[in-house]
């Protein structure tokens, strides 16, 4: 069970957070900030379409298989992108201190 959680949840979560943080921190242009969420959406759509086209088994429900992959890793990637952006904002946004 821990391996499944690591592969399907923790790895995509960390990957999404790292990509979003690096795309917000390193480039000078703001357009790069939208690249990781766009890649997450494209990944989920492409994986869903490929899985639906290659579906051959009638014994297992396609909905349960689509929730497991790409649903869970796609949600973890999206959450990772959100966490990476929040981390970047927390570390690098200007702070206003009222005295």
Protein backbone atom coordinates (compact mmCIF):
# COMPACT_ATOMS: atom_id res chain seq x y z
CA UNK A 1 0.00 0.00 0.00
CA UNK A 2 2.76 2.57 0.77
CA UNK A 3 4.29 1.98 -2.65
CA UNK A 4 0.97 2.70 -4.37
CA UNK A 5 0.50 5.87 -2.33
CA UNK A 6 4.05 6.94 -3.14
CA UNK A 7 3.73 6.29 -6.86
CA UNK A 8 0.20 7.61 -7.42
CA UNK A 9 0.10 10.47 -4.89
CA UNK A 10 3.37 11.58 -3.33
CA UNK A 11 5.60 11.49 -6.43
CA UNK A 12 3.17 13.52 -8.62
CA UNK A 13 2.54 15.91 -5.71
CA UNK A 14 6.26 16.58 -5.24
CA UNK A 15 6.85 16.79 -8.99
CA UNK A 16 4.03 19.31 -9.45
CA UNK A 17 5.22 21.44 -6.54
CA UNK A 18 8.82 21.43 -7.78
CA UNK A 19 7.89 22.29 -11.37
CA UNK A 20 5.56 25.10 -10.35
CA UNK A 21 8.06 26.56 -7.89
CA UNK A 22 10.87 26.49 -10.45
CA UNK A 23 8.68 27.97 -13.19
CA UNK A 24 7.66 30.81 -10.88
CA UNK A 25 11.11 31.42 -9.41
CA UNK A 26 13.59 31.17 -12.29
CA UNK A 27 12.13 32.76 -15.47
CA UNK A 28 11.62 36.48 -15.78
CA UNK A 29 8.39 36.27 -17.78
CA UNK A 30 5.05 35.55 -16.18
CA UNK A 31 3.89 33.30 -19.00
CA UNK A 32 6.10 30.48 -17.71
CA UNK A 33 4.03 30.31 -14.50
CA UNK A 34 1.13 28.82 -16.42
CA UNK A 35 3.19 26.03 -17.99
CA UNK A 36 2.96 23.39 -15.19
CA UNK A 37 -0.85 23.63 -14.75
CA UNK A 38 -1.26 23.53 -18.52
CA UNK A 39 0.95 20.43 -18.69
CA UNK A 40 -1.11 18.79 -15.93
CA UNK A 41 -4.33 19.34 -17.88
CA UNK A 42 -2.76 18.06 -21.10
CA UNK A 43 -1.35 15.01 -19.30
CA UNK A 44 -4.70 14.09 -17.79
CA UNK A 45 -6.57 14.61 -21.07
CA UNK A 46 -4.06 12.64 -23.15
CA UNK A 47 -3.90 9.77 -20.67
CA UNK A 48 -7.67 9.61 -20.43
CA UNK A 49 -8.09 9.53 -24.20
CA UNK A 50 -5.44 6.83 -24.63
CA UNK A 51 -6.96 4.70 -21.88
CA UNK A 52 -10.44 5.04 -23.35
CA UNK A 53 -9.26 4.13 -26.86
CA UNK A 54 -7.27 1.11 -25.70
CA UNK A 55 -10.01 -0.24 -23.49
CA UNK A 56 -10.57 -3.93 -24.25
CA UNK A 57 -11.77 -5.58 -21.05
CA UNK A 58 -15.48 -5.75 -20.34
CA UNK A 59 -14.98 -7.38 -16.93
CA UNK A 60 -13.75 -4.24 -15.16
CA UNK A 61 -15.52 -0.91 -15.11
CA UNK A 62 -13.66 1.76 -17.09
CA UNK A 63 -14.69 4.38 -14.54
CA UNK A 64 -12.79 2.71 -11.69
CA UNK A 65 -9.70 2.37 -13.88
CA UNK A 66 -9.88 6.02 -14.97
CA UNK A 67 -10.15 7.17 -11.37
CA UNK A 68 -7.03 5.22 -10.42
CA UNK A 69 -4.99 6.45 -13.39
CA UNK A 70 -4.97 9.30 -14.51
CA UNK A 71 -7.46 10.64 -11.96
CA UNK A 72 -5.47 10.33 -8.73
CA UNK A 73 -2.05 11.28 -10.17
CA UNK A 74 -3.64 14.14 -12.11
CA UNK A 75 -5.28 15.49 -8.96
CA UNK A 76 -1.98 15.13 -7.07
CA UNK A 77 -0.13 16.98 -9.85
CA UNK A 78 -2.70 19.78 -9.72
CA UNK A 79 -2.46 20.01 -5.96
CA UNK A 80 1.33 20.01 -6.22
CA UNK A 81 1.17 22.93 -8.67
CA UNK A 82 -1.01 24.83 -6.23
CA UNK A 83 1.35 24.07 -3.34
CA UNK A 84 4.41 25.07 -5.39
CA UNK A 85 2.80 28.41 -6.26
CA UNK A 86 1.86 28.98 -2.60
CA UNK A 87 5.42 28.17 -1.52
CA UNK A 88 6.82 30.60 -4.08
CA UNK A 89 4.40 33.33 -2.95
CA UNK A 90 5.25 32.70 0.69
CA UNK A 91 9.01 32.89 0.14
CA UNK A 92 9.32 35.60 -2.50
CA UNK A 93 6.29 37.89 -2.28
CA UNK A 94 6.93 41.31 -0.74
CA UNK A 95 5.68 41.66 2.79
CA UNK A 96 4.06 44.77 4.20
CA UNK A 97 4.56 45.35 7.88
CA UNK A 98 2.34 47.91 9.60
CA UNK A 99 3.72 49.35 12.80
